PDB file of N, CA and C in Angstrom:
ATOM      1  N   UNK A   1     -14.730   5.272  -4.466  1.00  0.00           N
ATOM      2  CA  UNK A   1     -15.845   4.720  -3.848  1.00  0.00           C
ATOM      3  C   UNK A   1     -16.980   5.632  -3.776  1.00  0.00           C
ATOM      4  N   UNK A   2     -16.985   6.731  -4.205  1.00  0.00           N
ATOM      5  CA  UNK A   2     -18.089   7.665  -4.167  1.00  0.00           C
ATOM      6  C   UNK A   2     -19.312   7.169  -5.033  1.00  0.00           C
ATOM      7  N   UNK A   3     -18.868   6.737  -6.298  1.00  0.00           N
ATOM      8  CA  UNK A   3     -20.047   6.248  -7.159  1.00  0.00           C
ATOM      9  C   UNK A   3     -20.389   4.915  -7.102  1.00  0.00           C
ATOM     10  N   UNK A   4     -19.980   4.125  -6.107  1.00  0.00           N
ATOM     11  CA  UNK A   4     -20.291   2.804  -6.063  1.00  0.00           C
ATOM     12  C   UNK A   4     -21.821   2.573  -5.539  1.00  0.00           C
ATOM     13  N   UNK A   5     -22.147   1.191  -5.971  1.00  0.00           N
ATOM     14  CA  UNK A   5     -23.466   0.731  -5.245  1.00  0.00           C
ATOM     15  C   UNK A   5     -23.133   0.679  -3.817  1.00  0.00           C
ATOM     16  N   UNK A   6     -24.265   0.969  -3.210  1.00  0.00           N
ATOM     17  CA  UNK A   6     -23.938   0.759  -1.670  1.00  0.00           C
ATOM     18  C   UNK A   6     -23.464  -0.619  -1.138  1.00  0.00           C
ATOM     19  N   UNK A   7     -24.145  -1.618  -1.851  1.00  0.00           N
ATOM     20  CA  UNK A   7     -23.747  -2.948  -1.446  1.00  0.00           C
ATOM     21  C   UNK A   7     -22.177  -3.271  -1.859  1.00  0.00           C
ATOM     22  N   UNK A   8     -21.701  -2.671  -2.831  1.00  0.00           N
ATOM     23  CA  UNK A   8     -20.275  -2.931  -3.288  1.00  0.00           C
ATOM     24  C   UNK A   8     -19.477  -2.196  -2.262  1.00  0.00           C
ATOM     25  N   UNK A   9     -19.976  -1.138  -1.902  1.00  0.00           N
ATOM     26  CA  UNK A   9     -19.074  -0.283  -0.998  1.00  0.00           C
ATOM     27  C   UNK A   9     -18.945  -1.036   0.410  1.00  0.00           C
ATOM     28  N   UNK A  10     -20.197  -1.482   0.975  1.00  0.00           N
ATOM     29  CA  UNK A  10     -20.033  -2.288   2.036  1.00  0.00           C
ATOM     30  C   UNK A  10     -19.176  -3.509   1.969  1.00  0.00           C
ATOM     31  N   UNK A  11     -19.200  -4.221   0.795  1.00  0.00           N
ATOM     32  CA  UNK A  11     -18.302  -5.355   0.704  1.00  0.00           C
ATOM     33  C   UNK A  11     -17.006  -4.982   0.714  1.00  0.00           C
ATOM     34  N   UNK A  12     -16.686  -3.855   0.029  1.00  0.00           N
ATOM     35  CA  UNK A  12     -15.077  -3.478  -0.012  1.00  0.00           C
ATOM     36  C   UNK A  12     -14.559  -3.130   1.504  1.00  0.00           C
ATOM     37  N   UNK A  13     -15.618  -2.376   2.277  1.00  0.00           N
ATOM     38  CA  UNK A  13     -15.257  -2.091   3.545  1.00  0.00           C
ATOM     39  C   UNK A  13     -14.954  -3.379   4.412  1.00  0.00           C
ATOM     40  N   UNK A  14     -15.906  -4.335   4.279  1.00  0.00           N
ATOM     41  CA  UNK A  14     -15.642  -5.473   4.958  1.00  0.00           C
ATOM     42  C   UNK A  14     -14.469  -6.285   4.508  1.00  0.00           C
ATOM     43  N   UNK A  15     -14.170  -6.166   3.328  1.00  0.00           N
ATOM     44  CA  UNK A  15     -12.935  -6.828   2.635  1.00  0.00           C
ATOM     45  C   UNK A  15     -11.736  -6.287   3.379  1.00  0.00           C
ATOM     46  N   UNK A  16     -11.719  -4.907   3.480  1.00  0.00           N
ATOM     47  CA  UNK A  16     -10.524  -4.270   3.940  1.00  0.00           C
ATOM     48  C   UNK A  16     -10.438  -4.667   5.361  1.00  0.00           C
ATOM     49  N   UNK A  17     -11.498  -4.699   6.170  1.00  0.00           N
ATOM     50  CA  UNK A  17     -11.430  -5.064   7.610  1.00  0.00           C
ATOM     51  C   UNK A  17     -11.009  -6.527   7.742  1.00  0.00           C
ATOM     52  N   UNK A  18     -11.376  -7.464   6.893  1.00  0.00           N
ATOM     53  CA  UNK A  18     -10.932  -8.810   6.886  1.00  0.00           C
ATOM     54  C   UNK A  18      -9.490  -8.843   6.579  1.00  0.00           C
ATOM     55  N   UNK A  19      -8.907  -8.068   5.678  1.00  0.00           N
ATOM     56  CA  UNK A  19      -7.505  -8.027   5.269  1.00  0.00           C
ATOM     57  C   UNK A  19      -6.684  -7.516   6.353  1.00  0.00           C
ATOM     58  N   UNK A  20      -7.205  -6.634   7.128  1.00  0.00           N
ATOM     59  CA  UNK A  20      -6.320  -6.098   8.229  1.00  0.00           C
ATOM     60  C   UNK A  20      -6.377  -7.058   9.542  1.00  0.00           C
ATOM     61  N   UNK A  21      -7.475  -7.871   9.625  1.00  0.00           N
ATOM     62  CA  UNK A  21      -7.529  -8.951  10.646  1.00  0.00           C
ATOM     63  C   UNK A  21      -6.610 -10.040  10.299  1.00  0.00           C
ATOM     64  N   UNK A  22      -6.470 -10.179   9.004  1.00  0.00           N
ATOM     65  CA  UNK A  22      -5.480 -11.266   8.607  1.00  0.00           C
ATOM     66  C   UNK A  22      -3.994 -10.840   8.862  1.00  0.00           C
ATOM     67  N   UNK A  23      -3.821  -9.584   8.588  1.00  0.00           N
ATOM     68  CA  UNK A  23      -2.348  -9.095   8.877  1.00  0.00           C
ATOM     69  C   UNK A  23      -2.148  -8.974  10.264  1.00  0.00           C
ATOM     70  N   UNK A  24      -3.193  -8.740  11.042  1.00  0.00           N
ATOM     71  CA  UNK A  24      -3.037  -8.655  12.531  1.00  0.00           C
ATOM     72  C   UNK A  24      -2.671 -10.039  13.091  1.00  0.00           C
ATOM     73  N   UNK A  25      -3.278 -10.901  12.586  1.00  0.00           N
ATOM     74  CA  UNK A  25      -3.039 -12.363  12.953  1.00  0.00           C
ATOM     75  C   UNK A  25      -1.639 -12.883  12.541  1.00  0.00           C
ATOM     76  N   UNK A  26      -1.232 -12.587  11.429  1.00  0.00           N
ATOM     77  CA  UNK A  26       0.105 -12.842  10.964  1.00  0.00           C
ATOM     78  C   UNK A  26       1.200 -12.145  11.901  1.00  0.00           C
ATOM     79  N   UNK A  27       1.088 -10.892  12.071  1.00  0.00           N
ATOM     80  CA  UNK A  27       1.940 -10.144  12.888  1.00  0.00           C
ATOM     81  C   UNK A  27       1.972 -10.741  14.279  1.00  0.00           C
ATOM     82  N   UNK A  28       0.872 -11.218  14.848  1.00  0.00           N
ATOM     83  CA  UNK A  28       0.857 -11.834  16.125  1.00  0.00           C
ATOM     84  C   UNK A  28       1.651 -13.066  16.159  1.00  0.00           C
ATOM     85  N   UNK A  29       1.528 -13.822  15.076  1.00  0.00           N
ATOM     86  CA  UNK A  29       2.227 -15.124  15.024  1.00  0.00           C
ATOM     87  C   UNK A  29       3.744 -14.737  14.951  1.00  0.00           C
ATOM     88  N   UNK A  30       4.106 -13.738  14.061  1.00  0.00           N
ATOM     89  CA  UNK A  30       5.550 -13.333  14.162  1.00  0.00           C
ATOM     90  C   UNK A  30       6.150 -12.917  15.544  1.00  0.00           C
ATOM     91  N   UNK A  31       5.217 -12.179  16.214  1.00  0.00           N
ATOM     92  CA  UNK A  31       5.533 -11.678  17.502  1.00  0.00           C
ATOM     93  C   UNK A  31       5.732 -12.806  18.444  1.00  0.00           C
ATOM     94  N   UNK A  32       4.893 -14.006  18.280  1.00  0.00           N
ATOM     95  CA  UNK A  32       4.987 -14.995  19.297  1.00  0.00           C
ATOM     96  C   UNK A  32       6.330 -15.844  18.932  1.00  0.00           C
ATOM     97  N   UNK A  33       6.683 -16.012  17.543  1.00  0.00           N
ATOM     98  CA  UNK A  33       7.794 -16.624  17.156  1.00  0.00           C
ATOM     99  C   UNK A  33       9.141 -15.908  17.695  1.00  0.00           C
ATOM    100  N   UNK A  34       9.159 -14.682  17.638  1.00  0.00           N
ATOM    101  CA  UNK A  34      10.172 -13.848  18.120  1.00  0.00           C
ATOM    102  C   UNK A  34      10.368 -14.006  19.631  1.00  0.00           C
ATOM    103  N   UNK A  35       9.250 -13.933  20.323  1.00  0.00           N
ATOM    104  CA  UNK A  35       9.307 -13.984  21.827  1.00  0.00           C
ATOM    105  C   UNK A  35      10.007 -15.522  22.283  1.00  0.00           C
ATOM    106  N   UNK A  36       9.361 -16.343  21.515  1.00  0.00           N
ATOM    107  CA  UNK A  36       9.917 -17.847  21.713  1.00  0.00           C
ATOM    108  C   UNK A  36      11.671 -17.891  21.388  1.00  0.00           C
ATOM    109  N   UNK A  37      12.108 -17.138  20.382  1.00  0.00           N
ATOM    110  CA  UNK A  37      13.493 -17.007  20.181  1.00  0.00           C
ATOM    111  C   UNK A  37      14.250 -15.936  20.981  1.00  0.00           C
ATOM    112  N   UNK A  38      13.478 -15.318  22.032  1.00  0.00           N
ATOM    113  CA  UNK A  38      14.107 -14.401  22.798  1.00  0.00           C
ATOM    114  C   UNK A  38      14.633 -13.062  22.140  1.00  0.00           C
ATOM    115  N   UNK A  39      14.002 -12.814  20.948  1.00  0.00           N
ATOM    116  CA  UNK A  39      14.222 -11.734  20.116  1.00  0.00           C
ATOM    117  C   UNK A  39      13.188 -10.606  20.455  1.00  0.00           C
ATOM    118  N   UNK A  40      13.333 -10.105  21.628  1.00  0.00           N
ATOM    119  CA  UNK A  40      12.234  -9.153  22.275  1.00  0.00           C
ATOM    120  C   UNK A  40      11.878  -7.903  21.361  1.00  0.00           C
ATOM    121  N   UNK A  41      12.936  -7.427  20.896  1.00  0.00           N
ATOM    122  CA  UNK A  41      12.758  -5.947  20.083  1.00  0.00           C
ATOM    123  C   UNK A  41      11.877  -6.406  18.938  1.00  0.00           C
ATOM    124  N   UNK A  42      12.210  -7.450  18.160  1.00  0.00           N
ATOM    125  CA  UNK A  42      11.307  -7.793  17.023  1.00  0.00           C
ATOM    126  C   UNK A  42       9.926  -8.254  17.425  1.00  0.00           C
ATOM    127  N   UNK A  43       9.907  -9.023  18.508  1.00  0.00           N
ATOM    128  CA  UNK A  43       8.582  -9.380  19.063  1.00  0.00           C
ATOM    129  C   UNK A  43       7.753  -8.223  19.322  1.00  0.00           C
ATOM    130  N   UNK A  44       8.203  -7.080  20.086  1.00  0.00           N
ATOM    131  CA  UNK A  44       7.525  -6.046  20.363  1.00  0.00           C
ATOM    132  C   UNK A  44       7.104  -5.181  19.171  1.00  0.00           C
ATOM    133  N   UNK A  45       7.950  -5.125  18.134  1.00  0.00           N
ATOM    134  CA  UNK A  45       7.505  -4.500  16.904  1.00  0.00           C
ATOM    135  C   UNK A  45       6.323  -5.213  16.110  1.00  0.00           C
ATOM    136  N   UNK A  46       6.458  -6.545  16.122  1.00  0.00           N
ATOM    137  CA  UNK A  46       5.405  -7.304  15.559  1.00  0.00           C
ATOM    138  C   UNK A  46       4.004  -7.107  16.309  1.00  0.00           C
ATOM    139  N   UNK A  47       4.203  -7.183  17.658  1.00  0.00           N
ATOM    140  CA  UNK A  47       3.062  -7.008  18.415  1.00  0.00           C
ATOM    141  C   UNK A  47       2.301  -5.655  18.196  1.00  0.00           C
ATOM    142  N   UNK A  48       3.190  -4.712  18.076  1.00  0.00           N
ATOM    143  CA  UNK A  48       2.624  -3.330  17.681  1.00  0.00           C
ATOM    144  C   UNK A  48       1.895  -3.302  16.445  1.00  0.00           C
ATOM    145  N   UNK A  49       2.530  -3.818  15.569  1.00  0.00           N
ATOM    146  CA  UNK A  49       2.030  -3.894  14.141  1.00  0.00           C
ATOM    147  C   UNK A  49       0.661  -4.637  14.233  1.00  0.00           C
ATOM    148  N   UNK A  50       0.556  -5.736  14.921  1.00  0.00           N
ATOM    149  CA  UNK A  50      -0.602  -6.519  14.990  1.00  0.00           C
ATOM    150  C   UNK A  50      -1.727  -5.675  15.719  1.00  0.00           C
ATOM    151  N   UNK A  51      -1.439  -5.018  16.701  1.00  0.00           N
ATOM    152  CA  UNK A  51      -2.279  -4.019  17.490  1.00  0.00           C
ATOM    153  C   UNK A  51      -2.843  -2.946  16.330  1.00  0.00           C
ATOM    154  N   UNK A  52      -1.912  -2.349  15.755  1.00  0.00           N
ATOM    155  CA  UNK A  52      -2.223  -1.329  14.796  1.00  0.00           C
ATOM    156  C   UNK A  52      -3.254  -1.935  13.744  1.00  0.00           C
ATOM    157  N   UNK A  53      -2.846  -3.023  13.202  1.00  0.00           N
ATOM    158  CA  UNK A  53      -3.706  -3.673  12.134  1.00  0.00           C
ATOM    159  C   UNK A  53      -5.147  -4.100  12.758  1.00  0.00           C
ATOM    160  N   UNK A  54      -5.296  -4.496  13.969  1.00  0.00           N
ATOM    161  CA  UNK A  54      -6.593  -4.697  14.569  1.00  0.00           C
ATOM    162  C   UNK A  54      -7.185  -3.397  14.735  1.00  0.00           C
ATOM    163  N   UNK A  55      -6.653  -2.295  15.034  1.00  0.00           N
ATOM    164  CA  UNK A  55      -7.426  -1.084  15.131  1.00  0.00           C
ATOM    165  C   UNK A  55      -8.001  -0.653  13.777  1.00  0.00           C
ATOM    166  N   UNK A  56      -7.133  -0.639  12.745  1.00  0.00           N
ATOM    167  CA  UNK A  56      -7.613  -0.397  11.346  1.00  0.00           C
ATOM    168  C   UNK A  56      -8.724  -1.436  11.004  1.00  0.00           C
ATOM    169  N   UNK A  57      -8.647  -2.713  11.222  1.00  0.00           N
ATOM    170  CA  UNK A  57      -9.712  -3.602  11.017  1.00  0.00           C
ATOM    171  C   UNK A  57     -10.933  -3.328  11.642  1.00  0.00           C
ATOM    172  N   UNK A  58     -10.860  -2.840  12.837  1.00  0.00           N
ATOM    173  CA  UNK A  58     -12.183  -2.505  13.590  1.00  0.00           C
ATOM    174  C   UNK A  58     -12.773  -1.193  12.926  1.00  0.00           C
ATOM    175  N   UNK A  59     -11.827  -0.229  12.566  1.00  0.00           N
ATOM    176  CA  UNK A  59     -12.456   1.108  11.971  1.00  0.00           C
ATOM    177  C   UNK A  59     -13.195   0.709  10.688  1.00  0.00           C
ATOM    178  N   UNK A  60     -12.548  -0.164   9.915  1.00  0.00           N
ATOM    179  CA  UNK A  60     -13.143  -0.565   8.644  1.00  0.00           C
ATOM    180  C   UNK A  60     -14.629  -1.271   8.906  1.00  0.00           C
ATOM    181  N   UNK A  61     -14.490  -2.282   9.810  1.00  0.00           N
ATOM    182  CA  UNK A  61     -15.697  -2.804  10.244  1.00  0.00           C
ATOM    183  C   UNK A  61     -16.871  -1.924  10.753  1.00  0.00           C
ATOM    184  N   UNK A  62     -16.386  -0.834  11.551  1.00  0.00           N
ATOM    185  CA  UNK A  62     -17.371   0.141  11.974  1.00  0.00           C
ATOM    186  C   UNK A  62     -18.015   0.863  10.790  1.00  0.00           C
ATOM    187  N   UNK A  63     -17.075   1.284   9.825  1.00  0.00           N
ATOM    188  CA  UNK A  63     -17.601   2.170   8.672  1.00  0.00           C
ATOM    189  C   UNK A  63     -18.412   1.308   7.881  1.00  0.00           C
ATOM    190  N   UNK A  64     -18.224  -0.074   7.677  1.00  0.00           N
ATOM    191  CA  UNK A  64     -19.139  -0.982   7.040  1.00  0.00           C
ATOM    192  C   UNK A  64     -20.534  -1.095   7.798  1.00  0.00           C
ATOM    193  N   UNK A  65     -20.453  -1.194   9.142  1.00  0.00           N
ATOM    194  CA  UNK A  65     -21.664  -1.202   9.851  1.00  0.00           C
ATOM    195  C   UNK A  65     -22.547  -0.005   9.613  1.00  0.00           C
ATOM    196  N   UNK A  66     -21.762   1.105   9.713  1.00  0.00           N
ATOM    197  CA  UNK A  66     -22.612   2.524   9.410  1.00  0.00           C
ATOM    198  C   UNK A  66     -23.028   2.583   8.213  1.00  0.00           C
ATOM    199  N   UNK A  67     -22.374   2.165   7.139  1.00  0.00           N
ATOM    200  CA  UNK A  67     -22.733   2.329   5.792  1.00  0.00           C
ATOM    201  C   UNK A  67     -23.983   1.351   5.522  1.00  0.00           C
ATOM    202  N   UNK A  68     -23.939   0.305   6.088  1.00  0.00           N
ATOM    203  CA  UNK A  68     -25.027  -0.781   6.008  1.00  0.00           C
ATOM    204  C   UNK A  68     -26.253  -0.241   6.715  1.00  0.00           C
ATOM    205  N   UNK A  69     -26.059   0.454   7.875  1.00  0.00           N
ATOM    206  CA  UNK A  69     -27.213   0.944   8.611  1.00  0.00           C
ATOM    207  C   UNK A  69     -27.873   2.036   7.583  1.00  0.00           C
ATOM    208  N   UNK A  70     -27.053   2.971   6.997  1.00  0.00           N
ATOM    209  CA  UNK A  70     -27.569   3.962   6.194  1.00  0.00           C
ATOM    210  C   UNK A  70     -28.223   3.328   4.935  1.00  0.00           C
ATOM    211  N   UNK A  71     -27.855   2.342   4.315  1.00  0.00           N
ATOM    212  CA  UNK A  71     -28.253   1.763   3.371  1.00  0.00           C
ATOM    213  C   UNK A  71     -29.637   1.186   3.754  1.00  0.00           C
ATOM    214  N   UNK A  72     -29.810   0.568   4.826  1.00  0.00           N
ATOM    215  CA  UNK A  72     -31.125  -0.061   5.324  1.00  0.00           C
ATOM    216  C   UNK A  72     -32.125   1.077   5.475  1.00  0.00           C
ATOM    217  N   UNK A  73     -31.585   2.122   6.090  1.00  0.00           N
ATOM    218  CA  UNK A  73     -32.540   3.159   6.466  1.00  0.00           C
ATOM    219  C   UNK A  73     -33.015   3.901   5.224  1.00  0.00           C
ATOM    220  N   UNK A  74     -32.154   4.078   4.110  1.00  0.00           N
ATOM    221  CA  UNK A  74     -32.648   4.676   2.980  1.00  0.00           C
ATOM    222  C   UNK A  74     -33.857   3.716   2.323  1.00  0.00           C
ATOM    223  N   UNK A  75     -33.390   2.351   2.358  1.00  0.00           N
ATOM    224  CA  UNK A  75     -34.391   1.582   1.569  1.00  0.00           C
ATOM    225  C   UNK A  75     -35.680   1.523   2.346  1.00  0.00           C
ATOM    226  N   UNK A  76     -35.826   1.749   3.759  1.00  0.00           N
ATOM    227  CA  UNK A  76     -37.061   1.794   4.370  1.00  0.00           C
ATOM    228  C   UNK A  76     -37.780   3.176   4.063  1.00  0.00           C
ATOM    229  N   UNK A  77     -36.894   4.186   3.911  1.00  0.00           N
ATOM    230  CA  UNK A  77     -37.517   5.488   3.563  1.00  0.00           C
ATOM    231  C   UNK A  77     -38.210   5.364   2.266  1.00  0.00           C
ATOM    232  N   UNK A  78     -37.578   4.605   1.310  1.00  0.00           N
ATOM    233  CA  UNK A  78     -38.110   4.664  -0.074  1.00  0.00           C
ATOM    234  C   UNK A  78     -39.230   3.818  -0.085  1.00  0.00           C
ATOM    235  N   UNK A  79     -39.419   2.896   0.826  1.00  0.00           N
ATOM    236  CA  UNK A  79     -40.702   2.063   0.942  1.00  0.00           C
ATOM    237  C   UNK A  79     -41.854   2.963   1.197  1.00  0.00           C
ATOM    238  N   UNK A  80     -41.761   4.015   2.043  1.00  0.00           N
ATOM    239  CA  UNK A  80     -42.790   4.774   2.633  1.00  0.00           C
ATOM    240  C   UNK A  80     -43.028   6.001   1.721  1.00  0.00           C
TER     241      UNK A  80
END
């Protein structure tokens, strides 16, 4: 990612964020299904996975926001 165009890097970070949000949603659904079936151990495991995926998604989104901010700032500096 070091030699990437800044826009491509931002897109990649946002894509990773979206992928983790999708995984989080899927794991949440699996947790709910297991709760419904009274399989509490599996439900807790999927709920924990969902939480972890949400944290990763948030981290990638924050990285994308920071990268975007730096990109905008560098463009503004180039104009002056």
